[in-house]
Amino acid sequence: MEQKFNLKTLGVIIVWIGVLIGVAYFVPFKKILPSVKNGGNNAVVNMTSVKLSASEKEYDFGDVSMANGKVKHSYQLKNEGSGDLNVEAVWTSCMCTVAEIKTKNGRTYGPFGMSGHGGSNKTDFKIAAGEEFELISEFDPNAHGPDATGPIQRVVFVKTDADKEPLGLLFMANVIK
């Protein structure tokens, strides 16, 4: 019996390719986003003697106009543990976003961008027990071109020596012209 290749077969093939691409795209993020999705008001990375907390785990810029340019948001982070916390690296989920760390003594680290796209995401500073620092994220709504409007979500990751998984700080926006 001879099988014919028709439009229905082509449609089934295209659907399966789309499913495979979708799975390949979303599955890797499942490992890094749980720290963003946890409950409560604080995003927390736990370890026996040190704990990094954020005063907020997500922020919504609302409508962000391409005409008005870049927007910034500051997250307040704190070492709530009983020992020093070593901040090892900071990186972002997209090239349209950069982050910077500012300590209470005025020292600045960064800018940090998307891993693998130039520059170093490594930082090596210690934050003492009970001390706070500021992480400033900056989003450029024009980075994806003039037609890239609509809702976005981006994450800034902070890796410490306290846990295998980084702390994720999420922000959202609706990019408009």
N, C-alpha and C. Protein backbone atom coordinates (compact mmCIF):
# COMPACT_ATOMS: atom_id res chain seq x y z
N MET A 1 0.83 -1.18 0.00
CA MET A 1 0.00 0.00 0.00
C MET A 1 0.88 1.25 0.00
N GLU A 2 0.60 2.15 -0.85
CA GLU A 2 1.41 3.34 -1.02
C GLU A 2 0.82 4.49 -0.19
N GLN A 3 1.71 5.18 0.61
CA GLN A 3 1.25 6.32 1.39
C GLN A 3 1.57 7.59 0.63
N LYS A 4 0.66 8.53 0.69
CA LYS A 4 0.87 9.80 0.02
C LYS A 4 1.17 10.88 1.06
N PHE A 5 2.05 11.77 0.68
CA PHE A 5 2.38 12.92 1.50
C PHE A 5 1.40 14.03 1.13
N ASN A 6 0.61 14.49 2.10
CA ASN A 6 -0.38 15.52 1.81
C ASN A 6 -0.28 16.67 2.81
N LEU A 7 -1.17 17.63 2.69
CA LEU A 7 -1.13 18.80 3.57
C LEU A 7 -1.42 18.43 5.03
N LYS A 8 -2.25 17.45 5.25
CA LYS A 8 -2.56 17.03 6.62
C LYS A 8 -1.29 16.49 7.29
N THR A 9 -0.53 15.67 6.59
CA THR A 9 0.73 15.14 7.12
C THR A 9 1.71 16.27 7.40
N LEU A 10 1.81 17.22 6.50
CA LEU A 10 2.69 18.37 6.69
C LEU A 10 2.27 19.16 7.93
N GLY A 11 0.97 19.34 8.13
CA GLY A 11 0.47 20.05 9.30
C GLY A 11 0.84 19.36 10.60
N VAL A 12 0.72 18.03 10.62
CA VAL A 12 1.08 17.26 11.82
C VAL A 12 2.58 17.40 12.10
N ILE A 13 3.40 17.36 11.08
CA ILE A 13 4.86 17.51 11.24
C ILE A 13 5.19 18.88 11.80
N ILE A 14 4.56 19.92 11.29
CA ILE A 14 4.82 21.29 11.75
C ILE A 14 4.41 21.45 13.22
N VAL A 15 3.27 20.88 13.58
CA VAL A 15 2.82 20.96 14.98
C VAL A 15 3.82 20.27 15.90
N TRP A 16 4.30 19.08 15.54
CA TRP A 16 5.27 18.38 16.37
C TRP A 16 6.60 19.14 16.47
N ILE A 17 7.03 19.75 15.41
CA ILE A 17 8.27 20.56 15.46
C ILE A 17 8.06 21.73 16.42
N GLY A 18 6.89 22.37 16.35
CA GLY A 18 6.59 23.46 17.27
C GLY A 18 6.59 23.03 18.73
N VAL A 19 6.03 21.86 19.00
CA VAL A 19 6.01 21.33 20.37
C VAL A 19 7.44 21.06 20.85
N LEU A 20 8.26 20.46 20.02
CA LEU A 20 9.65 20.17 20.40
C LEU A 20 10.44 21.44 20.65
N ILE A 21 10.25 22.45 19.83
CA ILE A 21 10.95 23.73 20.03
C ILE A 21 10.48 24.38 21.33
N GLY A 22 9.16 24.34 21.58
CA GLY A 22 8.63 24.90 22.83
C GLY A 22 9.19 24.21 24.05
N VAL A 23 9.27 22.90 24.04
CA VAL A 23 9.82 22.14 25.16
C VAL A 23 11.29 22.48 25.35
N ALA A 24 12.04 22.53 24.25
CA ALA A 24 13.48 22.84 24.33
C ALA A 24 13.72 24.24 24.87
N TYR A 25 12.80 25.18 24.61
CA TYR A 25 12.97 26.55 25.06
C TYR A 25 12.62 26.71 26.54
N PHE A 26 11.50 26.13 26.99
CA PHE A 26 11.01 26.39 28.33
C PHE A 26 11.58 25.47 29.40
N VAL A 27 11.96 24.28 29.10
CA VAL A 27 12.44 23.33 30.11
C VAL A 27 13.69 23.82 30.83
N PRO A 28 14.71 24.38 30.14
CA PRO A 28 15.90 24.82 30.88
C PRO A 28 15.61 25.86 31.95
N PHE A 29 14.58 26.72 31.76
CA PHE A 29 14.29 27.75 32.73
C PHE A 29 13.63 27.21 33.99
N LYS A 30 13.11 26.01 33.93
CA LYS A 30 12.47 25.42 35.10
C LYS A 30 13.45 25.28 36.26
N LYS A 31 14.72 25.07 35.96
CA LYS A 31 15.72 24.89 37.02
C LYS A 31 16.11 26.20 37.67
N ILE A 32 16.04 27.33 36.94
CA ILE A 32 16.52 28.58 37.51
C ILE A 32 15.42 29.49 38.01
N LEU A 33 14.17 29.26 37.65
CA LEU A 33 13.11 30.15 38.06
C LEU A 33 12.42 29.82 39.38
N PRO A 34 12.62 28.66 40.02
CA PRO A 34 11.91 28.43 41.27
C PRO A 34 12.15 29.49 42.33
N SER A 35 13.34 30.09 42.38
CA SER A 35 13.59 31.12 43.38
C SER A 35 12.76 32.37 43.11
N VAL A 36 12.29 32.55 41.87
CA VAL A 36 11.43 33.68 41.55
C VAL A 36 9.99 33.35 41.89
N LYS A 37 9.60 32.10 41.79
CA LYS A 37 8.21 31.69 41.94
C LYS A 37 7.83 31.31 43.36
N ASN A 38 8.76 31.36 44.31
CA ASN A 38 8.40 30.90 45.65
C ASN A 38 7.39 31.85 46.30
N GLY A 39 6.70 31.36 47.32
CA GLY A 39 5.64 32.14 47.95
C GLY A 39 6.17 33.17 48.92
N GLY A 40 5.29 33.94 49.47
CA GLY A 40 5.65 34.93 50.47
C GLY A 40 6.10 36.23 49.85
N ASN A 41 6.49 37.17 50.70
CA ASN A 41 6.89 38.48 50.23
C ASN A 41 8.36 38.59 49.90
N ASN A 42 9.17 37.65 50.36
CA ASN A 42 10.61 37.72 50.12
C ASN A 42 11.07 36.59 49.24
N ALA A 43 11.99 36.91 48.30
CA ALA A 43 12.67 35.86 47.55
C ALA A 43 13.92 35.53 48.36
N VAL A 44 14.10 34.28 48.73
CA VAL A 44 15.15 33.93 49.68
C VAL A 44 15.98 32.76 49.18
N VAL A 45 17.29 32.85 49.37
CA VAL A 45 18.19 31.73 49.15
C VAL A 45 18.63 31.29 50.54
N ASN A 46 18.45 30.03 50.87
CA ASN A 46 18.73 29.56 52.22
C ASN A 46 20.03 28.77 52.32
N MET A 47 20.68 28.88 53.45
CA MET A 47 21.82 28.05 53.83
C MET A 47 21.85 28.07 55.35
N THR A 48 22.56 27.17 55.94
CA THR A 48 22.55 27.03 57.39
C THR A 48 22.88 28.34 58.11
N SER A 49 23.97 29.00 57.74
CA SER A 49 24.39 30.16 58.51
C SER A 49 24.24 31.49 57.78
N VAL A 50 23.85 31.48 56.52
CA VAL A 50 23.68 32.73 55.78
C VAL A 50 22.38 32.69 54.99
N LYS A 51 21.81 33.87 54.79
CA LYS A 51 20.56 33.95 54.04
C LYS A 51 20.49 35.30 53.33
N LEU A 52 20.28 35.26 52.02
CA LEU A 52 20.11 36.48 51.24
C LEU A 52 18.63 36.69 51.01
N SER A 53 18.12 37.84 51.36
CA SER A 53 16.71 38.12 51.14
C SER A 53 16.56 39.40 50.33
N ALA A 54 15.43 39.51 49.67
CA ALA A 54 15.10 40.71 48.90
C ALA A 54 13.81 41.29 49.45
N SER A 55 13.76 42.61 49.54
CA SER A 55 12.56 43.25 50.06
C SER A 55 11.36 43.02 49.15
N GLU A 56 11.63 42.73 47.89
CA GLU A 56 10.60 42.35 46.93
C GLU A 56 11.21 41.40 45.91
N LYS A 57 10.42 40.47 45.40
CA LYS A 57 10.96 39.51 44.44
C LYS A 57 10.58 39.83 43.01
N GLU A 58 9.62 40.71 42.83
CA GLU A 58 9.25 41.11 41.47
C GLU A 58 8.75 42.54 41.45
N TYR A 59 8.85 43.14 40.26
CA TYR A 59 8.44 44.53 40.10
C TYR A 59 7.80 44.68 38.72
N ASP A 60 6.73 45.46 38.65
CA ASP A 60 6.05 45.71 37.39
C ASP A 60 6.21 47.18 37.02
N PHE A 61 6.92 47.44 35.92
CA PHE A 61 7.10 48.82 35.44
C PHE A 61 5.80 49.38 34.85
N GLY A 62 4.86 48.49 34.48
CA GLY A 62 3.67 48.95 33.78
C GLY A 62 4.05 49.25 32.34
N ASP A 63 3.43 50.27 31.76
CA ASP A 63 3.75 50.66 30.39
C ASP A 63 5.10 51.38 30.36
N VAL A 64 5.97 50.93 29.46
CA VAL A 64 7.28 51.55 29.28
C VAL A 64 7.34 52.03 27.83
N SER A 65 7.47 53.33 27.67
CA SER A 65 7.50 53.93 26.34
C SER A 65 8.89 53.85 25.73
N MET A 66 8.94 53.36 24.49
CA MET A 66 10.22 53.34 23.77
C MET A 66 10.76 54.76 23.60
N ALA A 67 9.87 55.71 23.43
CA ALA A 67 10.27 57.10 23.22
C ALA A 67 10.95 57.68 24.45
N ASN A 68 10.59 57.21 25.63
CA ASN A 68 11.18 57.74 26.87
C ASN A 68 12.49 57.06 27.26
N GLY A 69 12.84 55.97 26.61
CA GLY A 69 14.13 55.31 26.85
C GLY A 69 14.16 54.39 28.05
N LYS A 70 15.35 54.20 28.58
CA LYS A 70 15.62 53.21 29.63
C LYS A 70 14.90 53.53 30.94
N VAL A 71 14.57 52.45 31.67
CA VAL A 71 13.96 52.58 33.00
C VAL A 71 14.78 51.77 34.00
N LYS A 72 14.77 52.20 35.26
CA LYS A 72 15.53 51.53 36.32
C LYS A 72 14.63 51.19 37.49
N HIS A 73 15.03 50.11 38.18
CA HIS A 73 14.38 49.77 39.44
C HIS A 73 15.45 49.25 40.41
N SER A 74 15.29 49.60 41.66
CA SER A 74 16.25 49.22 42.70
C SER A 74 15.63 48.18 43.63
N TYR A 75 16.34 47.06 43.81
CA TYR A 75 15.95 46.01 44.76
C TYR A 75 16.87 46.13 45.97
N GLN A 76 16.31 46.03 47.16
CA GLN A 76 17.09 46.06 48.39
C GLN A 76 17.34 44.62 48.84
N LEU A 77 18.60 44.23 48.95
CA LEU A 77 18.98 42.88 49.36
C LEU A 77 19.68 42.94 50.71
N LYS A 78 19.53 41.87 51.49
CA LYS A 78 20.10 41.86 52.84
C LYS A 78 20.61 40.47 53.19
N ASN A 79 21.76 40.45 53.85
CA ASN A 79 22.29 39.21 54.41
C ASN A 79 21.67 39.06 55.79
N GLU A 80 20.73 38.13 55.91
CA GLU A 80 20.05 37.91 57.18
C GLU A 80 20.67 36.78 57.98
N GLY A 81 21.80 36.28 57.52
CA GLY A 81 22.46 35.19 58.21
C GLY A 81 23.38 35.68 59.32
N SER A 82 24.06 34.73 59.92
CA SER A 82 24.95 35.05 61.03
C SER A 82 26.41 35.13 60.60
N GLY A 83 26.67 34.92 59.32
CA GLY A 83 28.05 34.98 58.82
C GLY A 83 28.12 35.79 57.54
N ASP A 84 29.36 36.03 57.08
CA ASP A 84 29.56 36.75 55.83
C ASP A 84 28.95 35.99 54.67
N LEU A 85 28.49 36.74 53.68
CA LEU A 85 27.92 36.18 52.46
C LEU A 85 28.76 36.66 51.30
N ASN A 86 29.25 35.74 50.48
CA ASN A 86 30.06 36.10 49.33
C ASN A 86 29.18 36.13 48.09
N VAL A 87 29.05 37.30 47.47
CA VAL A 87 28.32 37.43 46.21
C VAL A 87 29.31 37.13 45.10
N GLU A 88 29.05 36.02 44.38
CA GLU A 88 30.00 35.52 43.39
C GLU A 88 29.75 36.03 41.98
N ALA A 89 28.48 36.18 41.59
CA ALA A 89 28.18 36.59 40.22
C ALA A 89 26.79 37.20 40.14
N VAL A 90 26.61 38.05 39.14
CA VAL A 90 25.32 38.66 38.83
C VAL A 90 25.17 38.61 37.31
N TRP A 91 23.99 38.21 36.82
CA TRP A 91 23.75 38.22 35.38
C TRP A 91 22.28 38.43 35.10
N THR A 92 21.97 38.76 33.85
CA THR A 92 20.60 39.04 33.45
C THR A 92 20.13 38.01 32.43
N SER A 93 18.82 37.93 32.25
CA SER A 93 18.25 36.94 31.33
C SER A 93 18.21 37.42 29.89
N CYS A 94 18.56 38.69 29.63
CA CYS A 94 18.48 39.23 28.27
C CYS A 94 19.47 40.37 28.12
N MET A 95 19.92 40.58 26.90
CA MET A 95 20.88 41.66 26.63
C MET A 95 20.25 43.04 26.78
N CYS A 96 18.93 43.12 26.83
CA CYS A 96 18.25 44.41 26.99
C CYS A 96 18.31 44.91 28.43
N THR A 97 18.86 44.10 29.32
CA THR A 97 18.88 44.40 30.75
C THR A 97 20.31 44.37 31.28
N VAL A 98 20.65 45.34 32.10
CA VAL A 98 21.92 45.33 32.83
C VAL A 98 21.61 45.55 34.31
N ALA A 99 22.54 45.13 35.15
CA ALA A 99 22.37 45.30 36.59
C ALA A 99 23.66 45.83 37.18
N GLU A 100 23.51 46.47 38.31
CA GLU A 100 24.65 47.05 39.02
C GLU A 100 24.40 46.87 40.52
N ILE A 101 25.45 46.63 41.26
CA ILE A 101 25.34 46.51 42.71
C ILE A 101 25.99 47.72 43.35
N LYS A 102 25.31 48.26 44.34
CA LYS A 102 25.84 49.40 45.09
C LYS A 102 25.78 49.06 46.57
N THR A 103 26.93 49.09 47.23
CA THR A 103 26.99 48.76 48.66
C THR A 103 26.72 50.02 49.49
N LYS A 104 26.47 49.81 50.78
CA LYS A 104 26.18 50.93 51.69
C LYS A 104 27.37 51.89 51.82
N ASN A 105 28.59 51.37 51.61
CA ASN A 105 29.76 52.25 51.70
C ASN A 105 30.04 52.97 50.39
N GLY A 106 29.12 52.84 49.41
CA GLY A 106 29.23 53.58 48.16
C GLY A 106 29.97 52.88 47.04
N ARG A 107 30.50 51.70 47.30
CA ARG A 107 31.21 50.97 46.26
C ARG A 107 30.22 50.39 45.25
N THR A 108 30.57 50.47 43.97
CA THR A 108 29.70 49.98 42.90
C THR A 108 30.38 48.84 42.16
N TYR A 109 29.61 47.81 41.83
CA TYR A 109 30.06 46.67 41.05
C TYR A 109 29.19 46.56 39.82
N GLY A 110 29.81 46.32 38.67
CA GLY A 110 29.06 46.14 37.43
C GLY A 110 29.46 47.19 36.42
N PRO A 111 28.73 47.32 35.35
CA PRO A 111 27.45 46.69 35.07
C PRO A 111 27.60 45.22 34.69
N PHE A 112 26.56 44.45 34.99
CA PHE A 112 26.49 43.03 34.67
C PHE A 112 25.39 42.84 33.63
N GLY A 113 25.68 42.00 32.65
CA GLY A 113 24.70 41.76 31.60
C GLY A 113 24.39 40.28 31.44
N MET A 114 23.93 39.95 30.26
CA MET A 114 23.57 38.57 29.95
C MET A 114 24.83 37.72 29.84
N SER A 115 24.81 36.58 30.49
CA SER A 115 25.95 35.69 30.50
C SER A 115 26.33 35.28 29.08
N GLY A 116 27.62 35.32 28.78
CA GLY A 116 28.12 34.89 27.48
C GLY A 116 28.09 35.96 26.41
N HIS A 117 27.75 37.21 26.77
CA HIS A 117 27.66 38.26 25.76
C HIS A 117 28.60 39.42 26.08
N GLY A 118 29.84 39.10 26.36
CA GLY A 118 30.84 40.12 26.63
C GLY A 118 30.82 40.56 28.08
N GLY A 119 31.96 40.95 28.56
CA GLY A 119 32.06 41.40 29.94
C GLY A 119 32.03 40.23 30.91
N SER A 120 32.33 40.54 32.13
CA SER A 120 32.36 39.52 33.16
C SER A 120 31.16 39.68 34.08
N ASN A 121 30.57 38.58 34.46
CA ASN A 121 29.46 38.60 35.40
C ASN A 121 29.93 38.23 36.80
N LYS A 122 31.22 37.97 36.93
CA LYS A 122 31.77 37.58 38.22
C LYS A 122 32.03 38.81 39.07
N THR A 123 31.71 38.67 40.33
CA THR A 123 32.02 39.70 41.31
C THR A 123 32.47 38.95 42.55
N ASP A 124 33.29 39.55 43.32
CA ASP A 124 33.75 38.86 44.51
C ASP A 124 33.78 39.85 45.66
N PHE A 125 32.61 40.06 46.26
CA PHE A 125 32.59 40.91 47.45
C PHE A 125 31.78 40.22 48.52
N LYS A 126 32.13 40.53 49.74
CA LYS A 126 31.46 39.94 50.89
C LYS A 126 30.52 40.98 51.49
N ILE A 127 29.38 40.47 51.95
CA ILE A 127 28.44 41.32 52.65
C ILE A 127 28.28 40.72 54.06
N ALA A 128 28.56 41.52 55.05
CA ALA A 128 28.54 41.04 56.44
C ALA A 128 27.12 40.73 56.90
N ALA A 129 27.02 39.93 57.93
CA ALA A 129 25.72 39.57 58.51
C ALA A 129 24.95 40.84 58.88
N GLY A 130 23.69 40.88 58.50
CA GLY A 130 22.84 42.01 58.83
C GLY A 130 22.95 43.20 57.89
N GLU A 131 23.93 43.20 56.99
CA GLU A 131 24.12 44.34 56.09
C GLU A 131 23.26 44.22 54.85
N GLU A 132 22.98 45.38 54.26
CA GLU A 132 22.17 45.46 53.06
C GLU A 132 23.00 46.00 51.91
N PHE A 133 22.53 45.72 50.70
CA PHE A 133 23.08 46.35 49.50
C PHE A 133 21.96 46.51 48.49
N GLU A 134 22.22 47.30 47.47
CA GLU A 134 21.22 47.63 46.49
C GLU A 134 21.59 47.01 45.14
N LEU A 135 20.61 46.40 44.49
CA LEU A 135 20.81 45.91 43.12
C LEU A 135 19.91 46.75 42.23
N ILE A 136 20.53 47.42 41.27
CA ILE A 136 19.79 48.31 40.37
C ILE A 136 19.71 47.64 39.00
N SER A 137 18.49 47.37 38.54
CA SER A 137 18.31 46.80 37.20
C SER A 137 17.88 47.91 36.25
N GLU A 138 18.41 47.85 35.03
CA GLU A 138 18.09 48.84 34.01
C GLU A 138 17.63 48.11 32.75
N PHE A 139 16.46 48.47 32.26
CA PHE A 139 15.86 47.84 31.08
C PHE A 139 15.80 48.86 29.94
N ASP A 140 16.26 48.44 28.76
CA ASP A 140 16.22 49.28 27.57
C ASP A 140 15.12 48.77 26.65
N PRO A 141 13.99 49.49 26.56
CA PRO A 141 12.88 49.02 25.73
C PRO A 141 13.18 49.07 24.23
N ASN A 142 14.24 49.75 23.84
CA ASN A 142 14.61 49.86 22.43
C ASN A 142 15.60 48.79 21.98
N ALA A 143 16.04 47.94 22.88
CA ALA A 143 17.10 46.98 22.56
C ALA A 143 16.68 45.93 21.52
N HIS A 144 15.39 45.68 21.39
CA HIS A 144 14.93 44.64 20.46
C HIS A 144 14.39 45.21 19.16
N GLY A 145 14.61 46.49 18.92
CA GLY A 145 14.16 47.08 17.67
C GLY A 145 12.84 47.79 17.78
N PRO A 146 12.50 48.55 16.74
CA PRO A 146 11.32 49.43 16.80
C PRO A 146 9.97 48.70 16.83
N ASP A 147 9.94 47.45 16.42
CA ASP A 147 8.66 46.73 16.40
C ASP A 147 8.47 45.78 17.58
N ALA A 148 9.40 45.78 18.52
CA ALA A 148 9.34 44.85 19.66
C ALA A 148 8.53 45.46 20.79
N THR A 149 7.22 45.47 20.63
CA THR A 149 6.34 46.00 21.66
C THR A 149 5.55 44.85 22.28
N GLY A 150 4.95 45.14 23.42
CA GLY A 150 4.15 44.15 24.11
C GLY A 150 4.74 43.77 25.45
N PRO A 151 4.15 42.79 26.12
CA PRO A 151 4.60 42.41 27.46
C PRO A 151 5.94 41.68 27.45
N ILE A 152 6.77 41.97 28.45
CA ILE A 152 8.07 41.30 28.63
C ILE A 152 8.22 40.90 30.09
N GLN A 153 9.09 39.90 30.31
CA GLN A 153 9.54 39.51 31.66
C GLN A 153 11.03 39.28 31.58
N ARG A 154 11.77 39.83 32.52
CA ARG A 154 13.20 39.65 32.58
C ARG A 154 13.59 39.31 34.03
N VAL A 155 14.74 38.66 34.17
CA VAL A 155 15.21 38.26 35.49
C VAL A 155 16.66 38.69 35.66
N VAL A 156 16.97 39.19 36.85
CA VAL A 156 18.36 39.44 37.25
C VAL A 156 18.69 38.39 38.30
N PHE A 157 19.79 37.68 38.08
CA PHE A 157 20.20 36.59 38.96
C PHE A 157 21.37 37.02 39.83
N VAL A 158 21.34 36.62 41.10
CA VAL A 158 22.42 36.89 42.04
C VAL A 158 22.88 35.56 42.61
N LYS A 159 24.12 35.18 42.33
CA LYS A 159 24.68 33.91 42.81
C LYS A 159 25.58 34.20 44.00
N THR A 160 25.29 33.50 45.10
CA THR A 160 26.13 33.62 46.29
C THR A 160 26.73 32.27 46.61
N ASP A 161 27.59 32.26 47.60
CA ASP A 161 28.16 31.00 48.05
C ASP A 161 27.20 30.26 48.99
N ALA A 162 25.98 30.78 49.13
CA ALA A 162 25.01 30.21 50.06
C ALA A 162 24.19 29.07 49.48
N ASP A 163 24.11 28.97 48.16
CA ASP A 163 23.22 27.97 47.59
C ASP A 163 23.62 27.66 46.16
N LYS A 164 23.20 26.51 45.68
CA LYS A 164 23.49 26.12 44.30
C LYS A 164 22.67 26.93 43.32
N GLU A 165 21.45 27.28 43.68
CA GLU A 165 20.56 28.03 42.81
C GLU A 165 20.71 29.53 43.08
N PRO A 166 20.74 30.35 42.03
CA PRO A 166 20.82 31.80 42.24
C PRO A 166 19.48 32.38 42.67
N LEU A 167 19.55 33.53 43.31
CA LEU A 167 18.35 34.29 43.63
C LEU A 167 17.92 35.00 42.35
N GLY A 168 16.64 34.88 41.98
CA GLY A 168 16.12 35.54 40.79
C GLY A 168 15.21 36.68 41.16
N LEU A 169 15.47 37.86 40.58
CA LEU A 169 14.64 39.04 40.80
C LEU A 169 13.97 39.38 39.47
N LEU A 170 12.67 39.28 39.45
CA LEU A 170 11.88 39.39 38.23
C LEU A 170 11.33 40.80 38.05
N PHE A 171 11.33 41.28 36.80
CA PHE A 171 10.55 42.48 36.52
C PHE A 171 9.79 42.27 35.23
N MET A 172 8.68 43.00 35.14
CA MET A 172 7.79 42.92 33.98
C MET A 172 7.55 44.33 33.46
N ALA A 173 7.17 44.41 32.20
CA ALA A 173 6.80 45.68 31.59
C ALA A 173 5.94 45.41 30.37
N ASN A 174 5.24 46.43 29.95
CA ASN A 174 4.52 46.39 28.68
C ASN A 174 5.15 47.48 27.81
N VAL A 175 5.92 47.06 26.81
CA VAL A 175 6.64 48.01 25.96
C VAL A 175 5.67 48.59 24.93
N ILE A 176 5.62 49.92 24.90
CA ILE A 176 4.78 50.63 23.94
C ILE A 176 5.65 51.61 23.14
N LYS A 177 5.15 52.02 21.98
CA LYS A 177 5.92 52.97 21.15
C LYS A 177 5.77 54.33 21.72
